[in-house]
């Protein structure tokens, strides 16, 4: 039996967005490395024995990286 948890689902989506964004940035991009460090901190905050209970804290860590707008030259 599986129970859908929207917060866990949204955490997965947040990580996927950042994971897909990273390879699009230059290897020496400060933003690319900040995304990696942010994802690392978010995963450190996630308790694998209580994913549902810690997903919100992990998402809070990811929120600033997701809020950064694209550079003007990207449009």
PDB file of N, CA and C in Angstrom:
ATOM      1  N   UNK A   1       0.847  -1.175   0.000  1.00  0.00           N
ATOM      2  CA  UNK A   1       0.000   0.000   0.000  1.00  0.00           C
ATOM      3  C   UNK A   1       0.891   1.237   0.000  1.00  0.00           C
ATOM      4  N   UNK A   2       0.594   2.161  -0.859  1.00  0.00           N
ATOM      5  CA  UNK A   2       1.359   3.404  -0.933  1.00  0.00           C
ATOM      6  C   UNK A   2       0.435   4.581  -0.650  1.00  0.00           C
ATOM      7  N   UNK A   3       0.968   5.568   0.012  1.00  0.00           N
ATOM      8  CA  UNK A   3       0.220   6.778   0.323  1.00  0.00           C
ATOM      9  C   UNK A   3       0.905   7.942  -0.388  1.00  0.00           C
ATOM     10  N   UNK A   4       0.129   8.687  -1.160  1.00  0.00           N
ATOM     11  CA  UNK A   4       0.671   9.846  -1.871  1.00  0.00           C
ATOM     12  C   UNK A   4       0.863  10.990  -0.895  1.00  0.00           C
ATOM     13  N   UNK A   5       2.036  11.567  -0.905  1.00  0.00           N
ATOM     14  CA  UNK A   5       2.337  12.732  -0.071  1.00  0.00           C
ATOM     15  C   UNK A   5       2.753  13.864  -1.003  1.00  0.00           C
ATOM     16  N   UNK A   6       1.935  14.890  -1.082  1.00  0.00           N
ATOM     17  CA  UNK A   6       2.189  15.982  -2.020  1.00  0.00           C
ATOM     18  C   UNK A   6       3.511  16.689  -1.731  1.00  0.00           C
ATOM     19  N   UNK A   7       3.856  16.854  -0.463  1.00  0.00           N
ATOM     20  CA  UNK A   7       5.101  17.547  -0.133  1.00  0.00           C
ATOM     21  C   UNK A   7       6.314  16.750  -0.618  1.00  0.00           C
ATOM     22  N   UNK A   8       6.267  15.436  -0.497  1.00  0.00           N
ATOM     23  CA  UNK A   8       7.355  14.591  -0.993  1.00  0.00           C
ATOM     24  C   UNK A   8       7.404  14.671  -2.518  1.00  0.00           C
ATOM     25  N   UNK A   9       6.241  14.634  -3.161  1.00  0.00           N
ATOM     26  CA  UNK A   9       6.187  14.742  -4.619  1.00  0.00           C
ATOM     27  C   UNK A   9       6.783  16.071  -5.081  1.00  0.00           C
ATOM     28  N   UNK A  10       6.426  17.156  -4.402  1.00  0.00           N
ATOM     29  CA  UNK A  10       6.953  18.474  -4.771  1.00  0.00           C
ATOM     30  C   UNK A  10       8.468  18.547  -4.550  1.00  0.00           C
ATOM     31  N   UNK A  11       8.971  17.870  -3.523  1.00  0.00           N
ATOM     32  CA  UNK A  11      10.418  17.807  -3.301  1.00  0.00           C
ATOM     33  C   UNK A  11      11.094  17.118  -4.479  1.00  0.00           C
ATOM     34  N   UNK A  12      10.523  16.027  -4.928  1.00  0.00           N
ATOM     35  CA  UNK A  12      11.075  15.317  -6.087  1.00  0.00           C
ATOM     36  C   UNK A  12      11.075  16.235  -7.308  1.00  0.00           C
ATOM     37  N   UNK A  13       9.985  16.961  -7.523  1.00  0.00           N
ATOM     38  CA  UNK A  13       9.911  17.877  -8.662  1.00  0.00           C
ATOM     39  C   UNK A  13      10.963  18.987  -8.545  1.00  0.00           C
ATOM     40  N   UNK A  14      11.125  19.539  -7.352  1.00  0.00           N
ATOM     41  CA  UNK A  14      12.135  20.585  -7.144  1.00  0.00           C
ATOM     42  C   UNK A  14      13.527  20.059  -7.487  1.00  0.00           C
ATOM     43  N   UNK A  15      13.845  18.862  -7.007  1.00  0.00           N
ATOM     44  CA  UNK A  15      15.159  18.271  -7.280  1.00  0.00           C
ATOM     45  C   UNK A  15      15.336  17.981  -8.767  1.00  0.00           C
ATOM     46  N   UNK A  16      14.268  17.538  -9.428  1.00  0.00           N
ATOM     47  CA  UNK A  16      14.359  17.274 -10.867  1.00  0.00           C
ATOM     48  C   UNK A  16      14.612  18.559 -11.653  1.00  0.00           C
ATOM     49  N   UNK A  17      13.917  19.624 -11.299  1.00  0.00           N
ATOM     50  CA  UNK A  17      14.114  20.902 -11.997  1.00  0.00           C
ATOM     51  C   UNK A  17      15.561  21.358 -11.855  1.00  0.00           C
ATOM     52  N   UNK A  18      16.068  21.328 -10.639  1.00  0.00           N
ATOM     53  CA  UNK A  18      17.453  21.758 -10.426  1.00  0.00           C
ATOM     54  C   UNK A  18      18.434  20.806 -11.104  1.00  0.00           C
ATOM     55  N   UNK A  19      18.128  19.515 -11.063  1.00  0.00           N
ATOM     56  CA  UNK A  19      18.993  18.533 -11.715  1.00  0.00           C
ATOM     57  C   UNK A  19      19.030  18.694 -13.221  1.00  0.00           C
ATOM     58  N   UNK A  20      17.934  19.123 -13.819  1.00  0.00           N
ATOM     59  CA  UNK A  20      17.899  19.351 -15.264  1.00  0.00           C
ATOM     60  C   UNK A  20      18.518  20.703 -15.632  1.00  0.00           C
ATOM     61  N   UNK A  21      18.494  21.639 -14.701  1.00  0.00           N
ATOM     62  CA  UNK A  21      19.059  22.957 -14.960  1.00  0.00           C
ATOM     63  C   UNK A  21      20.592  22.916 -14.937  1.00  0.00           C
ATOM     64  N   UNK A  22      21.158  22.157 -14.014  1.00  0.00           N
ATOM     65  CA  UNK A  22      22.616  22.157 -13.840  1.00  0.00           C
ATOM     66  C   UNK A  22      23.400  21.877 -15.119  1.00  0.00           C
ATOM     67  N   UNK A  23      23.077  20.834 -15.898  1.00  0.00           N
ATOM     68  CA  UNK A  23      23.876  20.558 -17.101  1.00  0.00           C
ATOM     69  C   UNK A  23      23.756  21.642 -18.175  1.00  0.00           C
ATOM     70  N   UNK A  24      22.741  22.487 -18.067  1.00  0.00           N
ATOM     71  CA  UNK A  24      22.565  23.566 -19.039  1.00  0.00           C
ATOM     72  C   UNK A  24      23.463  24.761 -18.734  1.00  0.00           C
ATOM     73  N   UNK A  25      24.014  24.787 -17.539  1.00  0.00           N
ATOM     74  CA  UNK A  25      24.889  25.887 -17.131  1.00  0.00           C
ATOM     75  C   UNK A  25      26.342  25.514 -17.407  1.00  0.00           C
ATOM     76  N   UNK A  26      27.185  26.503 -17.693  1.00  0.00           N
ATOM     77  CA  UNK A  26      28.604  26.207 -17.914  1.00  0.00           C
ATOM     78  C   UNK A  26      29.218  25.532 -16.685  1.00  0.00           C
ATOM     79  N   UNK A  27      30.189  24.657 -16.909  1.00  0.00           N
ATOM     80  CA  UNK A  27      30.821  23.908 -15.816  1.00  0.00           C
ATOM     81  C   UNK A  27      31.457  24.828 -14.780  1.00  0.00           C
ATOM     82  N   UNK A  28      31.899  26.000 -15.202  1.00  0.00           N
ATOM     83  CA  UNK A  28      32.531  26.922 -14.261  1.00  0.00           C
ATOM     84  C   UNK A  28      31.561  27.979 -13.724  1.00  0.00           C
ATOM     85  N   UNK A  29      30.270  27.786 -13.974  1.00  0.00           N
ATOM     86  CA  UNK A  29      29.257  28.736 -13.528  1.00  0.00           C
ATOM     87  C   UNK A  29      29.085  28.671 -12.010  1.00  0.00           C
ATOM     88  N   UNK A  30      29.123  29.832 -11.374  1.00  0.00           N
ATOM     89  CA  UNK A  30      28.896  29.895  -9.928  1.00  0.00           C
ATOM     90  C   UNK A  30      27.504  29.379  -9.581  1.00  0.00           C
ATOM     91  N   UNK A  31      26.536  29.663 -10.438  1.00  0.00           N
ATOM     92  CA  UNK A  31      25.169  29.212 -10.164  1.00  0.00           C
ATOM     93  C   UNK A  31      25.075  27.691 -10.205  1.00  0.00           C
ATOM     94  N   UNK A  32      25.769  27.071 -11.141  1.00  0.00           N
ATOM     95  CA  UNK A  32      25.756  25.607 -11.229  1.00  0.00           C
ATOM     96  C   UNK A  32      26.263  24.989  -9.924  1.00  0.00           C
ATOM     97  N   UNK A  33      27.368  25.522  -9.410  1.00  0.00           N
ATOM     98  CA  UNK A  33      27.944  24.969  -8.187  1.00  0.00           C
ATOM     99  C   UNK A  33      27.097  25.308  -6.972  1.00  0.00           C
ATOM    100  N   UNK A  34      26.436  26.454  -6.971  1.00  0.00           N
ATOM    101  CA  UNK A  34      25.539  26.788  -5.865  1.00  0.00           C
ATOM    102  C   UNK A  34      24.337  25.845  -5.855  1.00  0.00           C
ATOM    103  N   UNK A  35      23.814  25.502  -7.023  1.00  0.00           N
ATOM    104  CA  UNK A  35      22.710  24.540  -7.098  1.00  0.00           C
ATOM    105  C   UNK A  35      23.153  23.200  -6.525  1.00  0.00           C
ATOM    106  N   UNK A  36      24.353  22.767  -6.879  1.00  0.00           N
ATOM    107  CA  UNK A  36      24.867  21.495  -6.365  1.00  0.00           C
ATOM    108  C   UNK A  36      24.996  21.530  -4.846  1.00  0.00           C
ATOM    109  N   UNK A  37      25.556  22.602  -4.309  1.00  0.00           N
ATOM    110  CA  UNK A  37      25.702  22.717  -2.848  1.00  0.00           C
ATOM    111  C   UNK A  37      24.335  22.773  -2.166  1.00  0.00           C
ATOM    112  N   UNK A  38      23.397  23.479  -2.774  1.00  0.00           N
ATOM    113  CA  UNK A  38      22.059  23.587  -2.200  1.00  0.00           C
ATOM    114  C   UNK A  38      21.358  22.234  -2.197  1.00  0.00           C
ATOM    115  N   UNK A  39      21.454  21.500  -3.291  1.00  0.00           N
ATOM    116  CA  UNK A  39      20.855  20.163  -3.351  1.00  0.00           C
ATOM    117  C   UNK A  39      21.494  19.249  -2.316  1.00  0.00           C
ATOM    118  N   UNK A  40      22.797  19.362  -2.137  1.00  0.00           N
ATOM    119  CA  UNK A  40      23.500  18.557  -1.145  1.00  0.00           C
ATOM    120  C   UNK A  40      22.985  18.859   0.261  1.00  0.00           C
ATOM    121  N   UNK A  41      22.813  20.150   0.580  1.00  0.00           N
ATOM    122  CA  UNK A  41      22.291  20.529   1.898  1.00  0.00           C
ATOM    123  C   UNK A  41      20.861  20.028   2.087  1.00  0.00           C
ATOM    124  N   UNK A  42      20.054  20.113   1.035  1.00  0.00           N
ATOM    125  CA  UNK A  42      18.666  19.655   1.130  1.00  0.00           C
ATOM    126  C   UNK A  42      18.609  18.152   1.376  1.00  0.00           C
ATOM    127  N   UNK A  43      19.439  17.404   0.676  1.00  0.00           N
ATOM    128  CA  UNK A  43      19.447  15.954   0.871  1.00  0.00           C
ATOM    129  C   UNK A  43      19.999  15.587   2.240  1.00  0.00           C
ATOM    130  N   UNK A  44      20.929  16.378   2.758  1.00  0.00           N
ATOM    131  CA  UNK A  44      21.421  16.149   4.122  1.00  0.00           C
ATOM    132  C   UNK A  44      20.312  16.374   5.144  1.00  0.00           C
ATOM    133  N   UNK A  45      19.400  17.301   4.864  1.00  0.00           N
ATOM    134  CA  UNK A  45      18.302  17.600   5.781  1.00  0.00           C
ATOM    135  C   UNK A  45      17.204  16.545   5.729  1.00  0.00           C
ATOM    136  N   UNK A  46      17.208  15.744   4.696  1.00  0.00           N
ATOM    137  CA  UNK A  46      16.177  14.727   4.513  1.00  0.00           C
ATOM    138  C   UNK A  46      16.527  13.487   5.329  1.00  0.00           C
ATOM    139  N   UNK A  47      15.626  13.084   6.208  1.00  0.00           N
ATOM    140  CA  UNK A  47      15.803  11.869   7.006  1.00  0.00           C
ATOM    141  C   UNK A  47      15.149  10.722   6.249  1.00  0.00           C
ATOM    142  N   UNK A  48      15.945   9.773   5.790  1.00  0.00           N
ATOM    143  CA  UNK A  48      15.408   8.667   4.993  1.00  0.00           C
ATOM    144  C   UNK A  48      14.484   7.761   5.795  1.00  0.00           C
ATOM    145  N   UNK A  49      14.525   7.866   7.105  1.00  0.00           N
ATOM    146  CA  UNK A  49      13.595   7.114   7.945  1.00  0.00           C
ATOM    147  C   UNK A  49      12.288   7.882   8.151  1.00  0.00           C
ATOM    148  N   UNK A  50      12.273   9.147   7.745  1.00  0.00           N
ATOM    149  CA  UNK A  50      11.084   9.991   7.887  1.00  0.00           C
ATOM    150  C   UNK A  50      11.045  11.013   6.751  1.00  0.00           C
ATOM    151  N   UNK A  51      10.962  10.520   5.533  1.00  0.00           N
ATOM    152  CA  UNK A  51      10.973  11.403   4.364  1.00  0.00           C
ATOM    153  C   UNK A  51       9.797  12.374   4.411  1.00  0.00           C
ATOM    154  N   UNK A  52       8.616  11.864   4.693  1.00  0.00           N
ATOM    155  CA  UNK A  52       7.431  12.732   4.725  1.00  0.00           C
ATOM    156  C   UNK A  52       7.562  13.824   5.782  1.00  0.00           C
ATOM    157  N   UNK A  53       8.183  13.497   6.898  1.00  0.00           N
ATOM    158  CA  UNK A  53       8.326  14.459   7.983  1.00  0.00           C
ATOM    159  C   UNK A  53       9.420  15.485   7.770  1.00  0.00           C
ATOM    160  N   UNK A  54      10.348  15.210   6.864  1.00  0.00           N
ATOM    161  CA  UNK A  54      11.474  16.124   6.653  1.00  0.00           C
ATOM    162  C   UNK A  54      11.497  16.743   5.253  1.00  0.00           C
ATOM    163  N   UNK A  55      10.548  16.381   4.409  1.00  0.00           N
ATOM    164  CA  UNK A  55      10.508  16.910   3.042  1.00  0.00           C
ATOM    165  C   UNK A  55      10.321  18.423   3.031  1.00  0.00           C
ATOM    166  N   UNK A  56       9.511  18.951   3.931  1.00  0.00           N
ATOM    167  CA  UNK A  56       9.274  20.400   3.956  1.00  0.00           C
ATOM    168  C   UNK A  56      10.562  21.160   4.264  1.00  0.00           C
ATOM    169  N   UNK A  57      11.353  20.661   5.197  1.00  0.00           N
ATOM    170  CA  UNK A  57      12.620  21.318   5.533  1.00  0.00           C
ATOM    171  C   UNK A  57      13.571  21.277   4.341  1.00  0.00           C
ATOM    172  N   UNK A  58      13.605  20.160   3.645  1.00  0.00           N
ATOM    173  CA  UNK A  58      14.460  20.041   2.459  1.00  0.00           C
ATOM    174  C   UNK A  58      13.998  21.007   1.370  1.00  0.00           C
ATOM    175  N   UNK A  59      12.693  21.139   1.192  1.00  0.00           N
ATOM    176  CA  UNK A  59      12.165  22.066   0.187  1.00  0.00           C
ATOM    177  C   UNK A  59      12.476  23.511   0.546  1.00  0.00           C
ATOM    178  N   UNK A  60      12.446  23.831   1.833  1.00  0.00           N
ATOM    179  CA  UNK A  60      12.788  25.188   2.272  1.00  0.00           C
ATOM    180  C   UNK A  60      14.226  25.532   1.896  1.00  0.00           C
ATOM    181  N   UNK A  61      15.115  24.557   1.975  1.00  0.00           N
ATOM    182  CA  UNK A  61      16.516  24.773   1.614  1.00  0.00           C
ATOM    183  C   UNK A  61      16.644  25.010   0.112  1.00  0.00           C
ATOM    184  N   UNK A  62      15.841  24.302  -0.688  1.00  0.00           N
ATOM    185  CA  UNK A  62      15.903  24.430  -2.146  1.00  0.00           C
ATOM    186  C   UNK A  62      15.242  25.705  -2.672  1.00  0.00           C
ATOM    187  N   UNK A  63      14.317  26.257  -1.920  1.00  0.00           N
ATOM    188  CA  UNK A  63      13.508  27.385  -2.403  1.00  0.00           C
ATOM    189  C   UNK A  63      14.329  28.558  -2.943  1.00  0.00           C
ATOM    190  N   UNK A  64      15.374  29.018  -2.261  1.00  0.00           N
ATOM    191  CA  UNK A  64      16.133  30.148  -2.814  1.00  0.00           C
ATOM    192  C   UNK A  64      16.775  29.839  -4.171  1.00  0.00           C
ATOM    193  N   UNK A  65      17.265  28.630  -4.364  1.00  0.00           N
ATOM    194  CA  UNK A  65      17.881  28.266  -5.649  1.00  0.00           C
ATOM    195  C   UNK A  65      16.841  28.239  -6.762  1.00  0.00           C
ATOM    196  N   UNK A  66      15.628  27.851  -6.423  1.00  0.00           N
ATOM    197  CA  UNK A  66      14.555  27.803  -7.417  1.00  0.00           C
ATOM    198  C   UNK A  66      14.010  29.196  -7.730  1.00  0.00           C
ATOM    199  N   UNK A  67      14.188  30.131  -6.818  1.00  0.00           N
ATOM    200  CA  UNK A  67      13.627  31.473  -6.988  1.00  0.00           C
ATOM    201  C   UNK A  67      14.504  32.387  -7.840  1.00  0.00           C
ATOM    202  N   UNK A  68      15.741  31.997  -8.088  1.00  0.00           N
ATOM    203  CA  UNK A  68      16.644  32.842  -8.875  1.00  0.00           C
ATOM    204  C   UNK A  68      16.161  32.861 -10.325  1.00  0.00           C
ATOM    205  N   UNK A  69      15.892  34.050 -10.881  1.00  0.00           N
ATOM    206  CA  UNK A  69      15.419  34.111 -12.270  1.00  0.00           C
ATOM    207  C   UNK A  69      16.533  33.790 -13.263  1.00  0.00           C
ATOM    208  N   UNK A  70      16.129  33.428 -14.443  1.00  0.00           N
ATOM    209  CA  UNK A  70      17.096  33.190 -15.522  1.00  0.00           C
ATOM    210  C   UNK A  70      17.786  34.501 -15.861  1.00  0.00           C
ATOM    211  N   UNK A  71      18.988  34.397 -16.381  1.00  0.00           N
ATOM    212  CA  UNK A  71      19.699  35.596 -16.812  1.00  0.00           C
ATOM    213  C   UNK A  71      18.978  36.190 -18.011  1.00  0.00           C
ATOM    214  N   UNK A  72      19.064  37.492 -18.158  1.00  0.00           N
ATOM    215  CA  UNK A  72      18.390  38.160 -19.271  1.00  0.00           C
ATOM    216  C   UNK A  72      18.820  37.598 -20.612  1.00  0.00           C
ATOM    217  N   UNK A  73      20.073  37.217 -20.739  1.00  0.00           N
ATOM    218  CA  UNK A  73      20.562  36.691 -22.016  1.00  0.00           C
ATOM    219  C   UNK A  73      19.987  35.319 -22.334  1.00  0.00           C
ATOM    220  N   UNK A  74      19.337  34.678 -21.349  1.00  0.00           N
ATOM    221  CA  UNK A  74      18.774  33.347 -21.568  1.00  0.00           C
ATOM    222  C   UNK A  74      17.424  33.409 -22.275  1.00  0.00           C
ATOM    223  N   UNK A  75      16.858  34.608 -22.410  1.00  0.00           N
ATOM    224  CA  UNK A  75      15.532  34.736 -23.033  1.00  0.00           C
ATOM    225  C   UNK A  75      15.643  35.025 -24.498  1.00  0.00           C
TER     226      UNK A  75
END
